[in-house]
C-alpha cells in the first residue's frame, strides 16, 4: 500500500492550471476551522445557486406556484433514476 502524502504547491498548481490562482491564506484559514464551520461556505454557495435557479424558473414559468417551482428546482438538481419495465 502506498503512503499518503500532501501535494506540493507546484503539484496543485499543475492540476488546477487554467483556474483562478489559489488563495493560500484563505486555504490556511479554512484548514484551521473545525469541520462543521468549513461546511458553511459550501452551504451558502448551494443556497445561492438554488435561489438563482428558483428565480430563473419563476421568470420562465410565471404561472407556477412557489411549491411547484421548488419541485422543479429539486428535480433539476437531484438525479432521479426511473426504472423502465
Protein backbone atom coordinates (compact mmCIF):
# COMPACT_ATOMS: atom_id res chain seq x y z
CA UNK A 1 0.00 0.00 0.00
CA UNK A 2 1.36 3.46 -0.86
CA UNK A 3 1.90 6.04 1.80
CA UNK A 4 -0.29 9.15 1.61
CA UNK A 5 1.49 12.47 1.35
CA UNK A 6 0.46 16.08 0.91
CA UNK A 7 0.72 17.61 -2.53
CA UNK A 8 3.22 20.37 -3.04
CA UNK A 9 2.04 23.79 -4.21
CA UNK A 10 3.63 23.08 -7.61
CA UNK A 11 1.70 19.81 -7.96
CA UNK A 12 -1.55 21.51 -7.01
CA UNK A 13 -0.87 24.36 -9.43
CA UNK A 14 -0.28 21.85 -12.24
CA UNK A 15 -3.62 20.18 -11.51
CA UNK A 16 -5.61 23.40 -11.48
CA UNK A 17 -3.86 25.04 -14.42
CA UNK A 18 -6.35 27.36 -16.11
CA UNK A 19 -8.30 28.11 -12.94
CA UNK A 20 -8.02 31.18 -10.75
CA UNK A 21 -4.87 31.29 -8.61
CA UNK A 22 -5.16 29.56 -5.25
CA UNK A 23 -5.62 31.88 -2.29
CA UNK A 24 -3.23 30.18 0.13
CA UNK A 25 -4.11 32.46 3.04
CA UNK A 26 -7.79 31.56 2.65
CA UNK A 27 -6.93 27.87 2.39
CA UNK A 28 -4.89 28.01 5.61
CA UNK A 29 -7.67 29.86 7.43
CA UNK A 30 -10.24 27.28 6.31
CA UNK A 31 -7.95 24.39 7.27
CA UNK A 32 -7.77 25.71 10.82
CA UNK A 33 -11.54 25.81 11.22
CA UNK A 34 -13.45 22.87 12.70
CA UNK A 35 -15.18 20.67 10.13
CA UNK A 36 -18.69 21.98 10.83
CA UNK A 37 -17.57 25.57 10.19
CA UNK A 38 -15.79 24.63 6.95
CA UNK A 39 -19.13 23.41 5.62
CA UNK A 40 -20.80 26.81 5.99
CA UNK A 41 -19.27 28.46 2.86
CA UNK A 42 -20.32 25.47 0.75
CA UNK A 43 -23.83 25.52 2.14
CA UNK A 44 -24.05 29.25 1.49
CA UNK A 45 -22.95 28.69 -2.11
CA UNK A 46 -25.56 25.95 -2.52
CA UNK A 47 -28.27 28.21 -1.11
CA UNK A 48 -27.24 30.99 -3.51
CA UNK A 49 -27.29 28.64 -6.51
CA UNK A 50 -30.71 27.27 -5.58
CA UNK A 51 -32.11 30.81 -5.15
CA UNK A 52 -30.73 31.80 -8.56
CA UNK A 53 -32.26 28.72 -10.17
CA UNK A 54 -35.56 29.39 -8.40
CA UNK A 55 -35.56 32.95 -9.78
CA UNK A 56 -34.81 31.66 -13.27
CA UNK A 57 -37.68 29.16 -13.09
CA UNK A 58 -40.01 31.85 -11.70
CA UNK A 59 -39.26 34.02 -14.76
CA UNK A 60 -39.54 31.09 -17.18
CA UNK A 61 -42.73 29.65 -15.63
CA UNK A 62 -44.70 32.59 -14.16
CA UNK A 63 -47.88 30.51 -13.98
CA UNK A 64 -46.41 28.04 -11.46
CA UNK A 65 -46.83 28.38 -7.70
CA UNK A 66 -43.79 28.59 -5.42
CA UNK A 67 -44.15 24.94 -4.29
CA UNK A 68 -44.23 23.87 -7.96
CA UNK A 69 -41.14 25.96 -8.69
CA UNK A 70 -39.38 24.41 -5.68
CA UNK A 71 -40.19 20.96 -7.04
CA UNK A 72 -38.71 21.96 -10.43
CA UNK A 73 -35.54 23.12 -8.65
CA UNK A 74 -35.28 19.82 -6.77
CA UNK A 75 -35.95 17.83 -9.93
CA UNK A 76 -33.25 19.79 -11.76
CA UNK A 77 -30.65 19.32 -9.00
CA UNK A 78 -31.49 15.77 -7.95
CA UNK A 79 -30.55 12.89 -10.23
CA UNK A 80 -33.52 10.55 -10.35
CA UNK A 81 -33.29 7.12 -11.88
CA UNK A 82 -36.53 5.71 -13.16
CA UNK A 83 -36.73 2.02 -13.83
CA UNK A 84 -38.37 1.03 -17.10
CA UNK A 85 -40.33 -2.16 -17.31
